């Protein structure tokens, strides 16, 4: 299996992470990509450099004001004269009360961020664009005839909404890949196996019937993103029935997880998509520092096998998966299982 990668992710090196009132170093570090590359190397996967696609793929998914904020916001932040090294919001609007879009960058920052877990530094937008290009390159390779391509995207993307960053995510790489594939296929399915609910992806496509969103994740009643990701969320309007959430108890291990994945697979088959995007989080690992689920390395291989049995043109988009000694090993296990079953 070929893999797509860009070194440009290194320009994003966030420092701020607020956990239960304590400021810590974020778990979304450049070292993640180094360990994932080691996993690709162990599986002898061919690395393809990401192509540059410009603003088009981003604009299919994200709003103009949000993209302008990401592109220009840090310069506006610096122009304040007494700002920090990273953009961290200190206010969020109550949008449902008809809030007006602000002119000041402090207000824009609150408007366009869901939480404090997505600090924006001088190289964040460039890295996010490179991640989006990585996903788009992989999608284009599939359109050009590759059966399956893995995209090593960093920063991740599935918590990013149409006009809002959150949870380490700025541009929604999985949504961008799906929208690119949608240019040829009438229906696309997105299967999110990250430990967290793919709330941004769900939000982007919630009213669309042509893109199915399915997410397996730790129960949001007790785990990020808390406010969405519940089983009753099924889509709205044209998208009614095109969203499936399968929340799992904290600490769920291999066998019940794979049973839930069978349910997700049945829904995808019934939808009959022309192609599949997998939001491939590896943070469901028993060794992941975020400690939501308990998937073993053999379990990840079984996940790869299950994904392959869907027998669809597939883009595997890297989402979460944080610093542990077996991060690269788990990636290698997913891809090896996929290749063996394909």
C-alpha atoms as a PDB file:
ATOM      1  CA  UNK A   1       0.000   0.000   0.000  1.00  0.00           C
ATOM      2  CA  UNK A   2       1.257   3.465  -0.869  1.00  0.00           C
ATOM      3  CA  UNK A   3       1.363   6.206   1.749  1.00  0.00           C
ATOM      4  CA  UNK A   4       1.309   9.996   1.346  1.00  0.00           C
ATOM      5  CA  UNK A   5       3.261  12.318   3.633  1.00  0.00           C
ATOM      6  CA  UNK A   6       4.442  15.921   3.933  1.00  0.00           C
ATOM      7  CA  UNK A   7       7.298  17.218   6.062  1.00  0.00           C
ATOM      8  CA  UNK A   8       5.443  20.540   6.324  1.00  0.00           C
ATOM      9  CA  UNK A   9       3.572  19.270   9.389  1.00  0.00           C
ATOM     10  CA  UNK A  10       6.646  20.155  11.464  1.00  0.00           C
ATOM     11  CA  UNK A  11       5.799  23.860  11.323  1.00  0.00           C
ATOM     12  CA  UNK A  12       2.953  23.151  13.761  1.00  0.00           C
ATOM     13  CA  UNK A  13       4.387  22.462  17.219  1.00  0.00           C
ATOM     14  CA  UNK A  14       1.708  23.478  19.762  1.00  0.00           C
ATOM     15  CA  UNK A  15       2.718  23.949  23.372  1.00  0.00           C
ATOM     16  CA  UNK A  16      -0.525  24.710  25.215  1.00  0.00           C
ATOM     17  CA  UNK A  17      -2.964  22.055  26.429  1.00  0.00           C
ATOM     18  CA  UNK A  18      -5.438  22.696  29.240  1.00  0.00           C
ATOM     19  CA  UNK A  19      -6.332  19.511  31.154  1.00  0.00           C
ATOM     20  CA  UNK A  20      -8.615  19.749  34.200  1.00  0.00           C
ATOM     21  CA  UNK A  21      -7.421  23.261  34.916  1.00  0.00           C
ATOM     22  CA  UNK A  22      -3.724  22.450  34.438  1.00  0.00           C
ATOM     23  CA  UNK A  23      -1.610  23.668  31.517  1.00  0.00           C
ATOM     24  CA  UNK A  24       0.430  20.841  30.014  1.00  0.00           C
ATOM     25  CA  UNK A  25       2.344  20.125  26.829  1.00  0.00           C
ATOM     26  CA  UNK A  26      -0.091  18.877  24.200  1.00  0.00           C
ATOM     27  CA  UNK A  27      -0.062  15.226  23.183  1.00  0.00           C
ATOM     28  CA  UNK A  28      -0.391  16.309  19.515  1.00  0.00           C
ATOM     29  CA  UNK A  29       3.343  16.705  18.877  1.00  0.00           C
ATOM     30  CA  UNK A  30       5.500  16.421  15.714  1.00  0.00           C
ATOM     31  CA  UNK A  31       7.001  13.259  17.203  1.00  0.00           C
ATOM     32  CA  UNK A  32       3.725  11.512  16.358  1.00  0.00           C
ATOM     33  CA  UNK A  33       4.562  11.647  12.664  1.00  0.00           C
ATOM     34  CA  UNK A  34       8.065  10.303  13.289  1.00  0.00           C
ATOM     35  CA  UNK A  35       6.641   7.245  15.041  1.00  0.00           C
ATOM     36  CA  UNK A  36       4.001   6.716  12.384  1.00  0.00           C
ATOM     37  CA  UNK A  37       6.685   6.903   9.690  1.00  0.00           C
ATOM     38  CA  UNK A  38       8.599   4.220  11.552  1.00  0.00           C
ATOM     39  CA  UNK A  39       5.491   2.044  11.336  1.00  0.00           C
ATOM     40  CA  UNK A  40       5.301   2.632   7.597  1.00  0.00           C
ATOM     41  CA  UNK A  41       8.979   1.793   7.251  1.00  0.00           C
ATOM     42  CA  UNK A  42       8.542  -1.485   9.112  1.00  0.00           C
ATOM     43  CA  UNK A  43       5.839  -2.462   6.631  1.00  0.00           C
ATOM     44  CA  UNK A  44       7.965  -1.342   3.667  1.00  0.00           C
ATOM     45  CA  UNK A  45       5.296   0.993   2.358  1.00  0.00           C
ATOM     46  CA  UNK A  46       6.206   3.356  -0.466  1.00  0.00           C
ATOM     47  CA  UNK A  47       6.091   6.999   0.657  1.00  0.00           C
ATOM     48  CA  UNK A  48       4.667   9.481  -1.867  1.00  0.00           C
ATOM     49  CA  UNK A  49       5.111  13.250  -1.300  1.00  0.00           C
ATOM     50  CA  UNK A  50       1.895  15.226  -1.024  1.00  0.00           C
ATOM     51  CA  UNK A  51       0.920  17.345  -4.013  1.00  0.00           C
ATOM     52  CA  UNK A  52      -0.265  20.940  -3.653  1.00  0.00           C
ATOM     53  CA  UNK A  53      -3.906  21.379  -4.640  1.00  0.00           C
ATOM     54  CA  UNK A  54      -4.439  25.005  -3.632  1.00  0.00           C
ATOM     55  CA  UNK A  55      -7.507  26.366  -1.880  1.00  0.00           C
ATOM     56  CA  UNK A  56     -10.136  24.423  -3.849  1.00  0.00           C
ATOM     57  CA  UNK A  57     -10.371  21.240  -1.746  1.00  0.00           C
ATOM     58  CA  UNK A  58     -10.431  23.261   1.480  1.00  0.00           C
ATOM     59  CA  UNK A  59     -13.146  25.552   0.143  1.00  0.00           C
ATOM     60  CA  UNK A  60     -15.433  22.614  -0.675  1.00  0.00           C
ATOM     61  CA  UNK A  61     -15.654  21.891   3.050  1.00  0.00           C
ATOM     62  CA  UNK A  62     -14.850  25.068   5.012  1.00  0.00           C
ATOM     63  CA  UNK A  63     -16.426  28.535   5.026  1.00  0.00           C
ATOM     64  CA  UNK A  64     -14.674  31.562   3.481  1.00  0.00           C
ATOM     65  CA  UNK A  65     -14.549  33.498   6.761  1.00  0.00           C
ATOM     66  CA  UNK A  66     -13.013  30.547   8.587  1.00  0.00           C
ATOM     67  CA  UNK A  67     -10.335  29.994   5.948  1.00  0.00           C
ATOM     68  CA  UNK A  68      -9.500  33.713   5.999  1.00  0.00           C
ATOM     69  CA  UNK A  69      -9.236  33.560   9.797  1.00  0.00           C
ATOM     70  CA  UNK A  70      -6.800  30.632   9.636  1.00  0.00           C
ATOM     71  CA  UNK A  71      -4.721  32.303   6.921  1.00  0.00           C
ATOM     72  CA  UNK A  72      -4.502  35.792   8.436  1.00  0.00           C
ATOM     73  CA  UNK A  73      -5.357  35.396  12.088  1.00  0.00           C
ATOM     74  CA  UNK A  74      -1.876  34.962  13.513  1.00  0.00           C
ATOM     75  CA  UNK A  75      -0.641  38.184  11.897  1.00  0.00           C
ATOM     76  CA  UNK A  76      -3.654  40.022  13.362  1.00  0.00           C
ATOM     77  CA  UNK A  77      -2.906  38.419  16.729  1.00  0.00           C
ATOM     78  CA  UNK A  78       0.704  39.619  16.659  1.00  0.00           C
ATOM     79  CA  UNK A  79      -0.439  43.104  15.674  1.00  0.00           C
ATOM     80  CA  UNK A  80      -2.207  43.438  19.023  1.00  0.00           C
ATOM     81  CA  UNK A  81       1.237  44.096  20.492  1.00  0.00           C
ATOM     82  CA  UNK A  82       0.868  42.256  23.797  1.00  0.00           C
ATOM     83  CA  UNK A  83      -0.261  38.808  22.643  1.00  0.00           C
ATOM     84  CA  UNK A  84       1.137  35.383  23.492  1.00  0.00           C
ATOM     85  CA  UNK A  85       3.171  33.055  21.308  1.00  0.00           C
ATOM     86  CA  UNK A  86       0.056  31.047  20.434  1.00  0.00           C
ATOM     87  CA  UNK A  87      -3.549  32.046  19.832  1.00  0.00           C
ATOM     88  CA  UNK A  88      -5.644  30.742  22.743  1.00  0.00           C
ATOM     89  CA  UNK A  89      -9.297  31.821  23.042  1.00  0.00           C
ATOM     90  CA  UNK A  90     -10.599  33.394  26.227  1.00  0.00           C
ATOM     91  CA  UNK A  91     -14.203  33.855  25.073  1.00  0.00           C
ATOM     92  CA  UNK A  92     -16.686  31.839  23.016  1.00  0.00           C
ATOM     93  CA  UNK A  93     -19.945  33.307  21.675  1.00  0.00           C
ATOM     94  CA  UNK A  94     -23.444  31.943  22.255  1.00  0.00           C
ATOM     95  CA  UNK A  95     -24.207  31.599  18.556  1.00  0.00           C
ATOM     96  CA  UNK A  96     -27.763  30.406  19.051  1.00  0.00           C
ATOM     97  CA  UNK A  97     -28.704  33.853  20.392  1.00  0.00           C
ATOM     98  CA  UNK A  98     -27.963  35.542  17.077  1.00  0.00           C
ATOM     99  CA  UNK A  99     -24.411  36.606  17.889  1.00  0.00           C
ATOM    100  CA  UNK A 100     -22.743  38.928  15.383  1.00  0.00           C
ATOM    101  CA  UNK A 101     -19.442  38.110  13.696  1.00  0.00           C
ATOM    102  CA  UNK A 102     -16.710  40.206  15.397  1.00  0.00           C
ATOM    103  CA  UNK A 103     -14.129  42.459  13.778  1.00  0.00           C
ATOM    104  CA  UNK A 104     -11.443  42.029  16.455  1.00  0.00           C
ATOM    105  CA  UNK A 105      -9.134  39.009  16.261  1.00  0.00           C
ATOM    106  CA  UNK A 106      -9.804  38.088  19.908  1.00  0.00           C
ATOM    107  CA  UNK A 107     -13.483  37.779  19.064  1.00  0.00           C
ATOM    108  CA  UNK A 108     -12.783  35.922  15.825  1.00  0.00           C
ATOM    109  CA  UNK A 109     -10.619  33.456  17.732  1.00  0.00           C
ATOM    110  CA  UNK A 110     -13.460  32.635  20.074  1.00  0.00           C
ATOM    111  CA  UNK A 111     -15.935  32.416  17.195  1.00  0.00           C
ATOM    112  CA  UNK A 112     -13.813  29.946  15.230  1.00  0.00           C
ATOM    113  CA  UNK A 113     -12.621  27.614  18.023  1.00  0.00           C
ATOM    114  CA  UNK A 114     -14.663  25.064  19.954  1.00  0.00           C
ATOM    115  CA  UNK A 115     -12.180  24.697  22.811  1.00  0.00           C
ATOM    116  CA  UNK A 116      -8.643  25.539  23.969  1.00  0.00           C
ATOM    117  CA  UNK A 117      -7.112  22.338  22.536  1.00  0.00           C
ATOM    118  CA  UNK A 118      -6.301  23.896  19.167  1.00  0.00           C
ATOM    119  CA  UNK A 119      -3.684  26.614  19.759  1.00  0.00           C
ATOM    120  CA  UNK A 120      -2.669  28.451  16.612  1.00  0.00           C
ATOM    121  CA  UNK A 121       0.981  29.332  16.073  1.00  0.00           C
ATOM    122  CA  UNK A 122       2.902  30.926  13.184  1.00  0.00           C
ATOM    123  CA  UNK A 123       3.140  27.643  11.257  1.00  0.00           C
ATOM    124  CA  UNK A 124      -0.247  26.135  12.062  1.00  0.00           C
ATOM    125  CA  UNK A 125      -2.082  27.130   8.878  1.00  0.00           C
ATOM    126  CA  UNK A 126       0.756  25.928   6.633  1.00  0.00           C
ATOM    127  CA  UNK A 127       0.814  22.575   8.417  1.00  0.00           C
ATOM    128  CA  UNK A 128      -2.964  22.227   8.272  1.00  0.00           C
ATOM    129  CA  UNK A 129      -2.933  23.000   4.535  1.00  0.00           C
ATOM    130  CA  UNK A 130      -0.225  20.379   4.032  1.00  0.00           C
ATOM    131  CA  UNK A 131      -2.337  17.822   5.912  1.00  0.00           C
ATOM    132  CA  UNK A 132      -5.327  18.675   3.718  1.00  0.00           C
ATOM    133  CA  UNK A 133      -3.124  18.293   0.625  1.00  0.00           C
ATOM    134  CA  UNK A 134      -1.926  14.938   1.956  1.00  0.00           C
ATOM    135  CA  UNK A 135      -5.513  13.687   2.230  1.00  0.00           C
ATOM    136  CA  UNK A 136      -6.408  15.139  -1.172  1.00  0.00           C
ATOM    137  CA  UNK A 137      -3.365  13.537  -2.805  1.00  0.00           C
ATOM    138  CA  UNK A 138      -4.397  10.152  -1.416  1.00  0.00           C
ATOM    139  CA  UNK A 139      -7.973  10.662  -2.646  1.00  0.00           C
ATOM    140  CA  UNK A 140      -6.741  11.645  -6.111  1.00  0.00           C
ATOM    141  CA  UNK A 141      -4.527   8.558  -6.242  1.00  0.00           C
ATOM    142  CA  UNK A 142      -7.580   6.414  -5.541  1.00  0.00           C
ATOM    143  CA  UNK A 143      -9.510   8.237  -8.264  1.00  0.00           C
ATOM    144  CA  UNK A 144      -6.571   7.550 -10.572  1.00  0.00           C
ATOM    145  CA  UNK A 145      -6.783   3.808  -9.971  1.00  0.00           C
ATOM    146  CA  UNK A 146      -5.040   2.931  -6.713  1.00  0.00           C
ATOM    147  CA  UNK A 147      -7.145   0.530  -4.658  1.00  0.00           C
ATOM    148  CA  UNK A 148      -6.228   1.937  -1.236  1.00  0.00           C
ATOM    149  CA  UNK A 149      -3.920   4.754  -0.096  1.00  0.00           C
ATOM    150  CA  UNK A 150      -2.918   5.808   3.420  1.00  0.00           C
ATOM    151  CA  UNK A 151      -2.557   9.543   4.185  1.00  0.00           C
ATOM    152  CA  UNK A 152      -0.276  10.436   7.118  1.00  0.00           C
ATOM    153  CA  UNK A 153      -2.057  13.662   8.043  1.00  0.00           C
ATOM    154  CA  UNK A 154      -0.847  15.891  10.850  1.00  0.00           C
ATOM    155  CA  UNK A 155      -2.460  17.890  12.367  1.00  0.00           C
ATOM    156  CA  UNK A 156      -5.543  15.658  12.410  1.00  0.00           C
ATOM    157  CA  UNK A 157      -8.908  16.917  11.260  1.00  0.00           C
ATOM    158  CA  UNK A 158     -12.094  15.134  12.309  1.00  0.00           C
ATOM    159  CA  UNK A 159     -13.027  17.586  15.114  1.00  0.00           C
ATOM    160  CA  UNK A 160     -12.916  20.578  12.730  1.00  0.00           C
ATOM    161  CA  UNK A 161     -16.322  21.876  11.678  1.00  0.00           C
ATOM    162  CA  UNK A 162     -17.106  23.929   8.596  1.00  0.00           C
ATOM    163  CA  UNK A 163     -16.102  27.121  10.422  1.00  0.00           C
ATOM    164  CA  UNK A 164     -14.547  26.032  13.707  1.00  0.00           C
ATOM    165  CA  UNK A 165     -11.371  24.346  14.958  1.00  0.00           C
ATOM    166  CA  UNK A 166     -11.345  22.042  17.951  1.00  0.00           C
ATOM    167  CA  UNK A 167      -9.648  19.065  19.558  1.00  0.00           C
ATOM    168  CA  UNK A 168      -6.217  19.479  17.880  1.00  0.00           C
ATOM    169  CA  UNK A 169      -7.961  19.882  14.469  1.00  0.00           C
ATOM    170  CA  UNK A 170      -8.072  22.834  12.041  1.00  0.00           C
ATOM    171  CA  UNK A 171      -8.985  21.552   8.567  1.00  0.00           C
ATOM    172  CA  UNK A 172     -11.116  18.426   8.309  1.00  0.00           C
ATOM    173  CA  UNK A 173      -8.860  16.129   6.293  1.00  0.00           C
ATOM    174  CA  UNK A 174     -11.314  13.214   6.158  1.00  0.00           C
ATOM    175  CA  UNK A 175     -14.138  15.475   4.984  1.00  0.00           C
ATOM    176  CA  UNK A 176     -11.843  17.050   2.392  1.00  0.00           C
ATOM    177  CA  UNK A 177     -10.894  13.595   1.075  1.00  0.00           C
ATOM    178  CA  UNK A 178     -14.569  12.588   0.919  1.00  0.00           C
ATOM    179  CA  UNK A 179     -15.547  15.768  -0.928  1.00  0.00           C
ATOM    180  CA  UNK A 180     -12.745  15.166  -3.427  1.00  0.00           C
ATOM    181  CA  UNK A 181     -13.915  11.600  -4.047  1.00  0.00           C
ATOM    182  CA  UNK A 182     -17.487  12.868  -4.373  1.00  0.00           C
ATOM    183  CA  UNK A 183     -16.527  14.570  -7.649  1.00  0.00           C
ATOM    184  CA  UNK A 184     -16.699  11.133  -9.288  1.00  0.00           C
ATOM    185  CA  UNK A 185     -18.809   8.958  -6.995  1.00  0.00           C
ATOM    186  CA  UNK A 186     -22.477   9.632  -6.229  1.00  0.00           C
ATOM    187  CA  UNK A 187     -22.140   8.294  -2.689  1.00  0.00           C
ATOM    188  CA  UNK A 188     -19.219   8.275  -0.249  1.00  0.00           C
ATOM    189  CA  UNK A 189     -19.014   6.661   3.185  1.00  0.00           C
ATOM    190  CA  UNK A 190     -16.815   7.924   6.016  1.00  0.00           C
ATOM    191  CA  UNK A 191     -16.024   5.439   8.787  1.00  0.00           C
ATOM    192  CA  UNK A 192     -14.394   6.991  11.860  1.00  0.00           C
ATOM    193  CA  UNK A 193     -12.555   4.563  14.156  1.00  0.00           C
ATOM    194  CA  UNK A 194     -10.833   7.197  16.296  1.00  0.00           C
ATOM    195  CA  UNK A 195     -11.406   6.906  20.062  1.00  0.00           C
ATOM    196  CA  UNK A 196     -13.217  10.270  19.901  1.00  0.00           C
ATOM    197  CA  UNK A 197     -16.430  10.958  18.036  1.00  0.00           C
ATOM    198  CA  UNK A 198     -15.871  12.628  14.660  1.00  0.00           C
ATOM    199  CA  UNK A 199     -18.053  15.579  15.611  1.00  0.00           C
ATOM    200  CA  UNK A 200     -16.710  17.992  13.003  1.00  0.00           C
ATOM    201  CA  UNK A 201     -17.209  15.480  10.194  1.00  0.00           C
ATOM    202  CA  UNK A 202     -20.733  14.753  11.402  1.00  0.00           C
ATOM    203  CA  UNK A 203     -21.505  18.468  11.549  1.00  0.00           C
ATOM    204  CA  UNK A 204     -20.239  19.127   8.020  1.00  0.00           C
ATOM    205  CA  UNK A 205     -22.352  16.396   6.405  1.00  0.00           C
ATOM    206  CA  UNK A 206     -25.291  16.135   8.840  1.00  0.00           C
ATOM    207  CA  UNK A 207     -27.868  17.443   6.361  1.00  0.00           C
ATOM    208  CA  UNK A 208     -26.500  15.591   3.315  1.00  0.00           C
ATOM    209  CA  UNK A 209     -27.740  12.250   2.080  1.00  0.00           C
ATOM    210  CA  UNK A 210     -24.906  11.581  -0.354  1.00  0.00           C
ATOM    211  CA  UNK A 211     -22.194  11.147   2.297  1.00  0.00           C
ATOM    212  CA  UNK A 212     -22.730   8.597   5.047  1.00  0.00           C
ATOM    213  CA  UNK A 213     -20.913   9.289   8.324  1.00  0.00           C
ATOM    214  CA  UNK A 214     -20.352   6.425  10.772  1.00  0.00           C
ATOM    215  CA  UNK A 215     -18.374   6.776  14.007  1.00  0.00           C
ATOM    216  CA  UNK A 216     -17.298   4.246  16.649  1.00  0.00           C
ATOM    217  CA  UNK A 217     -15.997   6.004  19.751  1.00  0.00           C
ATOM    218  CA  UNK A 218     -15.832   6.181  23.523  1.00  0.00           C
ATOM    219  CA  UNK A 219     -19.143   7.230  25.069  1.00  0.00           C
ATOM    220  CA  UNK A 220     -19.320  11.053  24.912  1.00  0.00           C
ATOM    221  CA  UNK A 221     -21.333  11.138  28.122  1.00  0.00           C
ATOM    222  CA  UNK A 222     -17.962  10.714  29.843  1.00  0.00           C
ATOM    223  CA  UNK A 223     -15.425  11.538  27.132  1.00  0.00           C
ATOM    224  CA  UNK A 224     -14.543  14.275  24.616  1.00  0.00           C
ATOM    225  CA  UNK A 225     -16.347  15.818  22.753  1.00  0.00           C
ATOM    226  CA  UNK A 226     -19.096  15.355  25.417  1.00  0.00           C
ATOM    227  CA  UNK A 227     -21.912  17.278  23.696  1.00  0.00           C
ATOM    228  CA  UNK A 228     -22.405  15.216  20.513  1.00  0.00           C
ATOM    229  CA  UNK A 229     -21.763  11.668  19.353  1.00  0.00           C
ATOM    230  CA  UNK A 230     -24.851   9.992  20.791  1.00  0.00           C
ATOM    231  CA  UNK A 231     -26.773   7.137  19.200  1.00  0.00           C
ATOM    232  CA  UNK A 232     -29.923   9.195  18.607  1.00  0.00           C
ATOM    233  CA  UNK A 233     -28.115  11.565  16.200  1.00  0.00           C
ATOM    234  CA  UNK A 234     -29.171  10.289  12.786  1.00  0.00           C
ATOM    235  CA  UNK A 235     -28.907  13.310  10.482  1.00  0.00           C
ATOM    236  CA  UNK A 236     -31.456  15.894   9.416  1.00  0.00           C
ATOM    237  CA  UNK A 237     -33.259  16.927   6.227  1.00  0.00           C
ATOM    238  CA  UNK A 238     -31.743  15.167   3.216  1.00  0.00           C
ATOM    239  CA  UNK A 239     -29.228  13.613   5.612  1.00  0.00           C
ATOM    240  CA  UNK A 240     -31.778  11.873   7.828  1.00  0.00           C
ATOM    241  CA  UNK A 241     -30.564   8.290   8.209  1.00  0.00           C
ATOM    242  CA  UNK A 242     -27.098   9.064   6.807  1.00  0.00           C
ATOM    243  CA  UNK A 243     -25.377   9.373  10.189  1.00  0.00           C
ATOM    244  CA  UNK A 244     -24.676   6.492  12.568  1.00  0.00           C
ATOM    245  CA  UNK A 245     -23.002   6.832  15.958  1.00  0.00           C
ATOM    246  CA  UNK A 246     -21.927   3.788  17.954  1.00  0.00           C
ATOM    247  CA  UNK A 247     -20.771   5.007  21.388  1.00  0.00           C
ATOM    248  CA  UNK A 248     -18.866   2.396  23.390  1.00  0.00           C
ATOM    249  CA  UNK A 249     -18.275   2.087  27.152  1.00  0.00           C
ATOM    250  CA  UNK A 250     -14.919   3.384  28.360  1.00  0.00           C
ATOM    251  CA  UNK A 251     -12.373   0.580  28.417  1.00  0.00           C
ATOM    252  CA  UNK A 252     -14.008  -1.436  25.612  1.00  0.00           C
ATOM    253  CA  UNK A 253     -11.582  -4.052  24.259  1.00  0.00           C
ATOM    254  CA  UNK A 254     -11.074  -5.988  21.056  1.00  0.00           C
ATOM    255  CA  UNK A 255     -14.034  -8.358  20.817  1.00  0.00           C
ATOM    256  CA  UNK A 256     -16.897  -5.934  21.597  1.00  0.00           C
ATOM    257  CA  UNK A 257     -15.213  -3.298  19.439  1.00  0.00           C
ATOM    258  CA  UNK A 258     -15.027  -5.669  16.473  1.00  0.00           C
ATOM    259  CA  UNK A 259     -18.684  -6.596  16.984  1.00  0.00           C
ATOM    260  CA  UNK A 260     -19.601  -2.903  16.801  1.00  0.00           C
ATOM    261  CA  UNK A 261     -17.458  -2.573  13.688  1.00  0.00           C
ATOM    262  CA  UNK A 262     -19.509  -5.354  12.081  1.00  0.00           C
ATOM    263  CA  UNK A 263     -22.626  -3.254  12.680  1.00  0.00           C
ATOM    264  CA  UNK A 264     -20.930  -0.242  11.097  1.00  0.00           C
ATOM    265  CA  UNK A 265     -19.854  -2.347   8.115  1.00  0.00           C
ATOM    266  CA  UNK A 266     -23.409  -3.573   7.536  1.00  0.00           C
ATOM    267  CA  UNK A 267     -24.655   0.021   7.450  1.00  0.00           C
ATOM    268  CA  UNK A 268     -21.946   0.984   4.950  1.00  0.00           C
ATOM    269  CA  UNK A 269     -22.762  -1.964   2.685  1.00  0.00           C
ATOM    270  CA  UNK A 270     -26.460  -1.051   2.724  1.00  0.00           C
ATOM    271  CA  UNK A 271     -25.559   2.502   1.694  1.00  0.00           C
ATOM    272  CA  UNK A 272     -23.644   1.181  -1.369  1.00  0.00           C
ATOM    273  CA  UNK A 273     -20.997   3.920  -1.597  1.00  0.00           C
ATOM    274  CA  UNK A 274     -18.611   4.227  -4.512  1.00  0.00           C
ATOM    275  CA  UNK A 275     -15.647   4.808  -2.198  1.00  0.00           C
ATOM    276  CA  UNK A 276     -14.747   4.842   1.492  1.00  0.00           C
ATOM    277  CA  UNK A 277     -12.809   7.237   3.695  1.00  0.00           C
ATOM    278  CA  UNK A 278     -11.553   5.789   6.985  1.00  0.00           C
ATOM    279  CA  UNK A 279     -10.761   8.315   9.700  1.00  0.00           C
ATOM    280  CA  UNK A 280      -8.010   6.133  11.150  1.00  0.00           C
ATOM    281  CA  UNK A 281      -7.464   7.094  14.742  1.00  0.00           C
ATOM    282  CA  UNK A 282      -5.055   4.859  16.652  1.00  0.00           C
ATOM    283  CA  UNK A 283      -5.871   6.421  20.014  1.00  0.00           C
ATOM    284  CA  UNK A 284      -8.238   3.562  20.874  1.00  0.00           C
ATOM    285  CA  UNK A 285      -5.044   1.714  21.855  1.00  0.00           C
ATOM    286  CA  UNK A 286      -4.627   0.253  25.329  1.00  0.00           C
ATOM    287  CA  UNK A 287      -1.311   2.168  25.466  1.00  0.00           C
ATOM    288  CA  UNK A 288      -2.556   5.565  24.300  1.00  0.00           C
ATOM    289  CA  UNK A 289      -2.120   8.378  26.847  1.00  0.00           C
ATOM    290  CA  UNK A 290      -5.739   9.493  26.354  1.00  0.00           C
ATOM    291  CA  UNK A 291      -6.926   6.116  27.720  1.00  0.00           C
ATOM    292  CA  UNK A 292     -10.460   5.805  26.349  1.00  0.00           C
ATOM    293  CA  UNK A 293     -10.615   2.275  24.913  1.00  0.00           C
ATOM    294  CA  UNK A 294      -8.407  -0.830  25.217  1.00  0.00           C
ATOM    295  CA  UNK A 295      -7.605  -2.103  21.722  1.00  0.00           C
ATOM    296  CA  UNK A 296      -4.537  -4.342  21.488  1.00  0.00           C
ATOM    297  CA  UNK A 297      -2.082  -4.523  18.606  1.00  0.00           C
ATOM    298  CA  UNK A 298      -3.658  -7.804  17.369  1.00  0.00           C
ATOM    299  CA  UNK A 299      -7.002  -5.998  17.654  1.00  0.00           C
ATOM    300  CA  UNK A 300      -5.765  -3.288  15.309  1.00  0.00           C
ATOM    301  CA  UNK A 301      -4.792  -5.966  12.811  1.00  0.00           C
ATOM    302  CA  UNK A 302      -8.341  -7.322  13.020  1.00  0.00           C
ATOM    303  CA  UNK A 303      -9.677  -3.798  12.441  1.00  0.00           C
ATOM    304  CA  UNK A 304      -7.564  -3.590   9.278  1.00  0.00           C
ATOM    305  CA  UNK A 305      -8.936  -6.936   8.118  1.00  0.00           C
ATOM    306  CA  UNK A 306     -12.514  -5.769   8.711  1.00  0.00           C
ATOM    307  CA  UNK A 307     -11.907  -2.568   6.749  1.00  0.00           C
ATOM    308  CA  UNK A 308     -10.508  -4.532   3.824  1.00  0.00           C
ATOM    309  CA  UNK A 309     -13.550  -6.799   3.718  1.00  0.00           C
ATOM    310  CA  UNK A 310     -15.697  -3.790   2.797  1.00  0.00           C
ATOM    311  CA  UNK A 311     -13.990  -4.150  -0.601  1.00  0.00           C
ATOM    312  CA  UNK A 312     -14.215  -0.496  -1.579  1.00  0.00           C
ATOM    313  CA  UNK A 313     -11.736   1.994  -3.042  1.00  0.00           C
ATOM    314  CA  UNK A 314     -10.419   3.417   0.216  1.00  0.00           C
ATOM    315  CA  UNK A 315      -8.542   6.412   1.586  1.00  0.00           C
ATOM    316  CA  UNK A 316      -7.142   5.830   5.070  1.00  0.00           C
ATOM    317  CA  UNK A 317      -6.726   9.241   6.719  1.00  0.00           C
ATOM    318  CA  UNK A 318      -4.644   9.456   9.884  1.00  0.00           C
ATOM    319  CA  UNK A 319      -6.526  11.074  12.756  1.00  0.00           C
ATOM    320  CA  UNK A 320      -5.543  10.575  16.416  1.00  0.00           C
ATOM    321  CA  UNK A 321      -3.032   8.260  18.021  1.00  0.00           C
ATOM    322  CA  UNK A 322      -0.603   9.820  20.468  1.00  0.00           C
ATOM    323  CA  UNK A 323       2.810   9.129  21.910  1.00  0.00           C
ATOM    324  CA  UNK A 324       3.259   5.547  23.034  1.00  0.00           C
ATOM    325  CA  UNK A 325       5.944   2.979  22.367  1.00  0.00           C
ATOM    326  CA  UNK A 326       3.578   1.007  20.116  1.00  0.00           C
ATOM    327  CA  UNK A 327       2.056   3.813  18.040  1.00  0.00           C
ATOM    328  CA  UNK A 328       3.987   2.880  14.892  1.00  0.00           C
ATOM    329  CA  UNK A 329       3.495  -0.831  15.598  1.00  0.00           C
ATOM    330  CA  UNK A 330      -0.275  -0.339  15.731  1.00  0.00           C
ATOM    331  CA  UNK A 331      -0.272   1.487  12.401  1.00  0.00           C
ATOM    332  CA  UNK A 332       1.772  -1.315  10.859  1.00  0.00           C
ATOM    333  CA  UNK A 333      -0.715  -3.836  12.284  1.00  0.00           C
ATOM    334  CA  UNK A 334      -3.743  -2.095  10.752  1.00  0.00           C
ATOM    335  CA  UNK A 335      -2.107  -1.878   7.330  1.00  0.00           C
ATOM    336  CA  UNK A 336      -0.786  -5.455   7.462  1.00  0.00           C
ATOM    337  CA  UNK A 337      -4.224  -6.767   8.408  1.00  0.00           C
ATOM    338  CA  UNK A 338      -5.787  -4.734   5.622  1.00  0.00           C
ATOM    339  CA  UNK A 339      -3.352  -6.028   3.013  1.00  0.00           C
ATOM    340  CA  UNK A 340      -3.689  -9.627   4.159  1.00  0.00           C
ATOM    341  CA  UNK A 341      -7.485  -9.545   3.915  1.00  0.00           C
ATOM    342  CA  UNK A 342      -7.584  -7.634   0.634  1.00  0.00           C
END
